[in-house]
N, C-alpha and C. Protein backbone atom coordinates (compact mmCIF):
# COMPACT_ATOMS: atom_id res chain seq x y z
N UNK A 1 108.35 112.74 102.59
CA UNK A 1 108.04 114.02 103.15
C UNK A 1 107.59 114.93 102.01
N UNK A 2 106.61 115.77 102.29
CA UNK A 2 106.13 116.70 101.27
C UNK A 2 106.36 118.13 101.72
N UNK A 3 106.33 119.05 100.79
CA UNK A 3 106.54 120.46 101.10
C UNK A 3 106.51 121.28 99.82
N UNK A 4 107.29 122.34 99.81
CA UNK A 4 107.35 123.20 98.63
C UNK A 4 108.79 123.68 98.45
N UNK A 5 109.15 123.90 97.21
CA UNK A 5 110.47 124.41 96.87
C UNK A 5 110.30 125.62 95.97
N UNK A 6 111.16 126.61 96.15
CA UNK A 6 111.10 127.81 95.33
C UNK A 6 111.98 127.62 94.10
N UNK A 7 111.38 127.78 92.94
CA UNK A 7 112.11 127.66 91.68
C UNK A 7 112.34 129.06 91.15
N UNK A 8 113.54 129.59 91.37
CA UNK A 8 113.84 130.95 90.96
C UNK A 8 114.52 131.04 89.60
N UNK A 9 114.54 129.94 88.88
CA UNK A 9 115.17 129.96 87.56
C UNK A 9 114.09 129.80 86.51
N UNK A 10 114.47 129.82 85.24
CA UNK A 10 113.53 129.74 84.14
C UNK A 10 112.67 128.49 84.17
N UNK A 11 112.03 128.20 83.11
CA UNK A 11 111.18 127.03 83.03
C UNK A 11 109.76 127.44 82.68
N UNK A 12 108.84 126.54 82.90
CA UNK A 12 107.44 126.80 82.55
C UNK A 12 106.88 127.92 83.44
N UNK A 13 107.10 127.83 84.75
CA UNK A 13 106.61 128.84 85.68
C UNK A 13 107.79 129.35 86.51
N UNK A 14 108.57 130.28 85.97
CA UNK A 14 109.74 130.75 86.72
C UNK A 14 109.31 131.57 87.94
N UNK A 15 110.19 131.61 88.93
CA UNK A 15 109.98 132.41 90.15
C UNK A 15 108.67 132.07 90.84
N UNK A 16 108.47 130.80 91.08
CA UNK A 16 107.25 130.38 91.78
C UNK A 16 107.56 129.19 92.67
N UNK A 17 106.63 128.93 93.59
CA UNK A 17 106.73 127.78 94.48
C UNK A 17 106.16 126.55 93.79
N UNK A 18 106.77 125.42 94.06
CA UNK A 18 106.32 124.15 93.49
C UNK A 18 106.15 123.14 94.62
N UNK A 19 105.02 122.45 94.63
CA UNK A 19 104.83 121.36 95.59
C UNK A 19 105.85 120.28 95.27
N UNK A 20 106.49 119.74 96.31
CA UNK A 20 107.53 118.74 96.10
C UNK A 20 107.35 117.56 97.04
N UNK A 21 107.86 116.44 96.60
CA UNK A 21 107.86 115.21 97.39
C UNK A 21 109.30 114.76 97.51
N UNK A 22 109.77 114.56 98.73
CA UNK A 22 111.13 114.07 98.96
C UNK A 22 111.07 112.59 99.25
N UNK A 23 111.79 111.80 98.47
CA UNK A 23 111.82 110.34 98.66
C UNK A 23 113.26 109.91 98.87
N UNK A 24 113.77 110.10 100.05
CA UNK A 24 115.15 109.73 100.31
C UNK A 24 116.11 110.65 99.59
N UNK A 25 116.63 110.22 98.45
CA UNK A 25 117.61 111.01 97.71
C UNK A 25 116.98 111.85 96.61
N UNK A 26 115.75 111.58 96.24
CA UNK A 26 115.12 112.26 95.10
C UNK A 26 114.12 113.32 95.55
N UNK A 27 114.05 114.40 94.80
CA UNK A 27 113.02 115.43 94.98
C UNK A 27 112.16 115.41 93.73
N UNK A 28 110.88 115.19 93.91
CA UNK A 28 109.95 115.11 92.78
C UNK A 28 109.11 116.38 92.76
N UNK A 29 109.10 117.06 91.63
CA UNK A 29 108.30 118.27 91.45
C UNK A 29 106.88 117.84 91.12
N UNK A 30 105.95 118.02 92.07
CA UNK A 30 104.57 117.59 91.86
C UNK A 30 103.82 118.47 90.88
N UNK A 31 104.36 119.63 90.55
CA UNK A 31 103.71 120.48 89.55
C UNK A 31 103.64 119.81 88.18
N UNK A 32 104.51 118.83 87.94
CA UNK A 32 104.43 118.12 86.66
C UNK A 32 103.16 117.28 86.59
N UNK A 33 102.57 116.96 87.73
CA UNK A 33 101.29 116.22 87.77
C UNK A 33 100.10 117.16 87.85
N UNK A 34 100.34 118.42 88.22
CA UNK A 34 99.29 119.42 88.37
C UNK A 34 99.37 120.38 87.18
N UNK A 35 98.90 119.95 86.05
CA UNK A 35 99.03 120.73 84.82
C UNK A 35 98.29 122.06 84.95
N UNK A 36 99.02 123.15 84.73
CA UNK A 36 98.43 124.48 84.75
C UNK A 36 98.40 125.14 86.12
N UNK A 37 98.71 124.41 87.18
CA UNK A 37 98.70 124.99 88.53
C UNK A 37 100.03 125.70 88.77
N UNK A 38 100.01 126.78 89.58
CA UNK A 38 101.23 127.50 89.95
C UNK A 38 101.22 127.78 91.45
N UNK A 39 102.38 128.14 91.96
CA UNK A 39 102.55 128.46 93.38
C UNK A 39 101.88 127.41 94.27
N UNK A 40 102.25 126.18 94.08
CA UNK A 40 101.63 125.08 94.81
C UNK A 40 102.43 124.72 96.05
N UNK A 41 101.72 124.24 97.05
CA UNK A 41 102.32 123.80 98.31
C UNK A 41 101.71 122.45 98.68
N UNK A 42 102.54 121.47 98.97
CA UNK A 42 102.06 120.17 99.45
C UNK A 42 102.09 120.23 100.98
N UNK A 43 100.99 119.90 101.62
CA UNK A 43 100.88 120.04 103.07
C UNK A 43 100.96 118.72 103.82
N UNK A 44 100.46 117.63 103.25
CA UNK A 44 100.39 116.37 104.00
C UNK A 44 100.39 115.19 103.05
N UNK A 45 100.84 114.06 103.56
CA UNK A 45 100.78 112.79 102.84
C UNK A 45 100.33 111.74 103.85
N UNK A 46 99.44 110.84 103.43
CA UNK A 46 98.94 109.83 104.36
C UNK A 46 99.52 108.46 104.03
N UNK A 47 99.10 107.45 104.79
CA UNK A 47 99.63 106.10 104.61
C UNK A 47 99.28 105.49 103.26
N UNK A 48 98.25 106.00 102.61
CA UNK A 48 97.85 105.49 101.30
C UNK A 48 98.58 106.18 100.15
N UNK A 49 99.42 107.15 100.48
CA UNK A 49 100.19 107.86 99.45
C UNK A 49 99.46 109.04 98.85
N UNK A 50 98.32 109.41 99.40
CA UNK A 50 97.59 110.58 98.91
C UNK A 50 98.27 111.85 99.42
N UNK A 51 98.42 112.83 98.54
CA UNK A 51 99.09 114.08 98.89
C UNK A 51 98.07 115.20 98.81
N UNK A 52 97.92 115.95 99.91
CA UNK A 52 97.00 117.08 99.97
C UNK A 52 97.80 118.37 99.96
N UNK A 53 97.27 119.37 99.29
CA UNK A 53 97.94 120.65 99.23
C UNK A 53 97.04 121.71 98.64
N UNK A 54 97.63 122.84 98.29
CA UNK A 54 96.87 123.94 97.69
C UNK A 54 97.77 124.71 96.75
N UNK A 55 97.14 125.52 95.93
CA UNK A 55 97.87 126.35 94.99
C UNK A 55 96.91 127.10 94.10
N UNK A 56 97.46 127.77 93.09
CA UNK A 56 96.65 128.52 92.15
C UNK A 56 96.30 127.61 90.97
N UNK A 57 95.00 127.38 90.80
CA UNK A 57 94.55 126.50 89.73
C UNK A 57 94.63 127.21 88.37
N UNK A 58 94.36 126.50 87.26
CA UNK A 58 94.49 127.12 85.93
C UNK A 58 93.60 128.35 85.72
N UNK A 59 92.50 128.48 86.50
CA UNK A 59 91.62 129.65 86.33
C UNK A 59 92.12 130.87 87.12
N UNK A 60 93.21 130.70 87.91
CA UNK A 60 93.77 131.80 88.67
C UNK A 60 93.26 131.90 90.10
N UNK A 61 92.46 130.94 90.52
CA UNK A 61 91.92 130.92 91.88
C UNK A 61 92.75 129.97 92.75
N UNK A 62 92.93 130.33 94.03
CA UNK A 62 93.60 129.41 94.95
C UNK A 62 92.62 128.33 95.35
N UNK A 63 93.06 127.09 95.30
CA UNK A 63 92.19 125.95 95.56
C UNK A 63 93.02 124.82 96.15
N UNK A 64 92.34 123.85 96.73
CA UNK A 64 93.01 122.67 97.28
C UNK A 64 93.10 121.58 96.22
N UNK A 65 94.07 120.69 96.39
CA UNK A 65 94.18 119.53 95.50
C UNK A 65 94.48 118.29 96.33
N UNK A 66 94.14 117.15 95.77
CA UNK A 66 94.44 115.86 96.37
C UNK A 66 94.98 114.96 95.27
N UNK A 67 96.25 114.61 95.36
CA UNK A 67 96.86 113.70 94.39
C UNK A 67 96.74 112.29 94.95
N UNK A 68 96.15 111.42 94.17
CA UNK A 68 95.94 110.04 94.59
C UNK A 68 96.57 109.11 93.58
N UNK A 69 97.39 108.20 94.08
CA UNK A 69 97.95 107.19 93.19
C UNK A 69 97.15 105.91 93.38
N UNK A 70 96.96 105.20 92.32
CA UNK A 70 96.24 103.94 92.37
C UNK A 70 97.20 102.81 92.06
N UNK A 71 97.76 102.18 93.10
CA UNK A 71 98.69 101.09 92.85
C UNK A 71 97.98 99.89 92.23
N UNK A 72 98.68 99.20 91.40
CA UNK A 72 98.13 97.99 90.78
C UNK A 72 98.34 96.85 91.77
N UNK A 73 97.24 96.28 92.21
CA UNK A 73 97.32 95.17 93.15
C UNK A 73 97.52 93.87 92.40
N UNK A 74 98.62 93.22 92.68
CA UNK A 74 98.93 91.93 92.07
C UNK A 74 98.80 90.87 93.15
N UNK A 75 97.99 89.84 92.92
CA UNK A 75 97.82 88.82 93.94
C UNK A 75 99.14 88.13 94.27
N UNK A 76 99.27 87.72 95.53
CA UNK A 76 100.45 86.99 95.96
C UNK A 76 100.44 85.60 95.33
N UNK A 77 101.61 84.96 95.22
CA UNK A 77 101.67 83.63 94.61
C UNK A 77 100.75 82.61 95.30
N UNK A 78 100.62 82.70 96.63
CA UNK A 78 99.76 81.73 97.32
C UNK A 78 98.29 81.91 96.90
N UNK A 79 97.89 83.13 96.64
CA UNK A 79 96.51 83.36 96.19
C UNK A 79 96.31 82.81 94.78
N UNK A 80 97.31 82.97 93.92
CA UNK A 80 97.23 82.39 92.58
C UNK A 80 97.10 80.87 92.68
N UNK A 81 97.90 80.25 93.55
CA UNK A 81 97.85 78.80 93.71
C UNK A 81 96.47 78.34 94.18
N UNK A 82 95.90 79.05 95.15
CA UNK A 82 94.56 78.70 95.65
C UNK A 82 93.52 78.84 94.55
N UNK A 83 93.64 79.90 93.75
CA UNK A 83 92.68 80.13 92.68
C UNK A 83 92.79 79.02 91.63
N UNK A 84 94.02 78.65 91.26
CA UNK A 84 94.20 77.59 90.27
C UNK A 84 93.71 76.25 90.79
N UNK A 85 93.95 75.96 92.07
CA UNK A 85 93.43 74.72 92.66
C UNK A 85 91.91 74.72 92.67
N UNK A 86 91.32 75.85 92.95
CA UNK A 86 89.86 75.96 92.91
C UNK A 86 89.30 75.70 91.53
N UNK A 87 89.91 76.30 90.51
CA UNK A 87 89.47 76.06 89.13
C UNK A 87 89.67 74.59 88.73
N UNK A 88 90.78 74.01 89.15
CA UNK A 88 91.03 72.60 88.85
C UNK A 88 89.98 71.73 89.53
N UNK A 89 89.63 72.06 90.78
CA UNK A 89 88.60 71.31 91.49
C UNK A 89 87.25 71.42 90.80
N UNK A 90 86.90 72.60 90.34
CA UNK A 90 85.63 72.78 89.62
C UNK A 90 85.64 72.00 88.31
N UNK A 91 86.78 72.04 87.61
CA UNK A 91 86.89 71.27 86.36
C UNK A 91 86.77 69.78 86.60
N UNK A 92 87.42 69.29 87.66
CA UNK A 92 87.34 67.86 87.98
C UNK A 92 85.91 67.47 88.35
N UNK A 93 85.23 68.30 89.14
CA UNK A 93 83.84 68.01 89.53
C UNK A 93 82.95 67.97 88.29
N UNK A 94 83.13 68.89 87.36
CA UNK A 94 82.34 68.90 86.13
C UNK A 94 82.65 67.66 85.29
N UNK A 95 83.91 67.26 85.25
CA UNK A 95 84.32 66.07 84.51
C UNK A 95 83.65 64.82 85.07
N UNK A 96 83.66 64.68 86.41
CA UNK A 96 83.06 63.51 87.05
C UNK A 96 81.55 63.50 86.83
N UNK A 97 80.93 64.65 86.91
CA UNK A 97 79.47 64.72 86.72
C UNK A 97 79.11 64.32 85.28
N UNK A 98 79.91 64.75 84.32
CA UNK A 98 79.65 64.42 82.92
C UNK A 98 79.86 62.92 82.66
N UNK A 99 80.81 62.30 83.36
CA UNK A 99 81.08 60.88 83.16
C UNK A 99 80.00 60.00 83.74
N UNK A 100 79.43 60.42 84.88
CA UNK A 100 78.42 59.59 85.52
C UNK A 100 77.04 59.80 84.93
N UNK A 101 76.81 60.83 84.20
CA UNK A 101 75.46 61.10 83.66
C UNK A 101 75.18 60.36 82.40
């Protein structure tokens, strides 16, 4: 769930709103990813993990932002096995061709 939390204590930007992400037990301050932005609000999150919101950008203007994470896709073990079998098949075919020529 996304939203905003009011930080009324000291820090980099005291007495301001911060876009936040709630993940079960943890609250993540998204302002740490939005360098120089203040009074930020997170409005929505989609199935891909992109977070949309708005706030005051470093130039002092209110603007929208989109935080996008790029997960590292690691192939499943079955895909690795298929790829290795394919390479082995290509190697064997090249070996046989070289022997018969």
